[in-house]
Amino acid sequence: MEHELRAEYADGSSPGDDDPSVKTWHVVRGADSTAMCGRDLDPASAVRSVDLWGTGKVPICHSCGALFLRESP
């Protein structure tokens, strides 16, 4: 199954802002906008490669990360 990271924005920030503030990144299955932890994310939110998971370069939702590990080879 393909996974990707999708942004959850800080309060008062949204994908349409010139410089949106990302609160955390969630893992989603495919192009879904519902995170593995169950949080509904804006379908227009930024998407990143799941390869960033575990690098420390972006803050990842702990629950999504744990669930992602169970689905990763």
Protein backbone atom coordinates (compact mmCIF):
# COMPACT_ATOMS: atom_id res chain seq x y z
CA MET A 1 0.00 0.00 0.00
CA GLU A 2 1.22 3.48 -0.82
CA HIS A 3 1.47 6.04 1.95
CA GLU A 4 2.21 9.75 2.00
CA LEU A 5 2.46 12.55 4.54
CA ARG A 6 -0.28 15.20 4.70
CA ALA A 7 -0.07 18.45 6.65
CA GLU A 8 -2.17 19.48 9.61
CA TYR A 9 -2.00 23.26 9.93
CA ALA A 10 -1.59 25.31 13.10
CA ASP A 11 -4.65 27.20 14.35
CA GLY A 12 -5.36 30.17 12.13
CA SER A 13 -3.36 28.78 9.21
CA SER A 14 -4.67 27.05 6.09
CA PRO A 15 -3.41 25.61 2.80
CA GLY A 16 -4.44 28.79 0.99
CA ASP A 17 -2.14 31.05 3.04
CA ASP A 18 0.98 32.49 1.43
CA ASP A 19 3.18 30.87 4.10
CA PRO A 20 1.04 28.31 5.97
CA SER A 21 2.25 27.08 9.36
CA VAL A 22 2.29 23.27 9.58
CA LYS A 23 1.57 21.93 13.07
CA THR A 24 2.37 18.30 12.29
CA TRP A 25 2.46 15.80 9.45
CA HIS A 26 0.17 12.78 9.40
CA VAL A 27 0.50 9.54 7.47
CA VAL A 28 -2.35 8.80 5.04
CA ARG A 29 -3.03 5.82 2.84
CA GLY A 30 -2.79 6.79 -0.81
CA ALA A 31 -4.44 10.12 -1.58
CA ASP A 32 -6.88 9.84 1.33
CA SER A 33 -7.44 12.97 3.44
CA THR A 34 -8.14 10.99 6.62
CA ALA A 35 -4.97 10.31 8.60
CA MET A 36 -4.18 6.86 9.92
CA CYS A 37 -4.83 8.22 13.44
CA GLY A 38 -8.36 9.16 12.33
CA ARG A 39 -7.91 12.93 12.04
CA ASP A 40 -9.74 14.46 9.06
CA LEU A 41 -7.36 16.69 7.12
CA ASP A 42 -8.06 19.35 4.51
CA PRO A 43 -7.94 17.64 1.09
CA ALA A 44 -6.02 20.70 -0.18
CA SER A 45 -3.30 20.37 2.48
CA ALA A 46 0.31 19.91 1.46
CA VAL A 47 1.59 16.42 0.74
CA ARG A 48 5.12 15.07 1.18
CA SER A 49 6.81 11.74 0.57
CA VAL A 50 6.55 9.23 3.38
CA ASP A 51 10.33 8.84 2.96
CA LEU A 52 10.62 11.84 5.31
CA TRP A 53 9.20 9.68 8.13
CA GLY A 54 11.92 8.95 10.67
CA THR A 55 14.39 11.52 9.35
CA GLY A 56 13.61 14.16 11.97
CA LYS A 57 13.16 16.77 9.22
CA VAL A 58 9.41 17.15 9.81
CA PRO A 59 7.26 16.64 12.94
CA ILE A 60 5.23 13.43 12.51
CA CYS A 61 2.09 12.45 14.41
CA HIS A 62 3.14 9.77 16.91
CA SER A 63 -0.01 7.69 16.42
CA CYS A 64 0.26 7.76 12.63
CA GLY A 65 3.93 6.81 12.87
CA ALA A 66 3.18 3.78 15.05
CA LEU A 67 0.43 2.59 12.71
CA PHE A 68 2.62 3.19 9.67
CA LEU A 69 5.31 0.93 11.15
CA ARG A 70 2.79 -1.91 11.32
CA GLU A 71 2.05 -1.58 7.60
CA SER A 72 5.63 -1.14 6.42
CA PRO A 73 7.71 -4.07 5.24
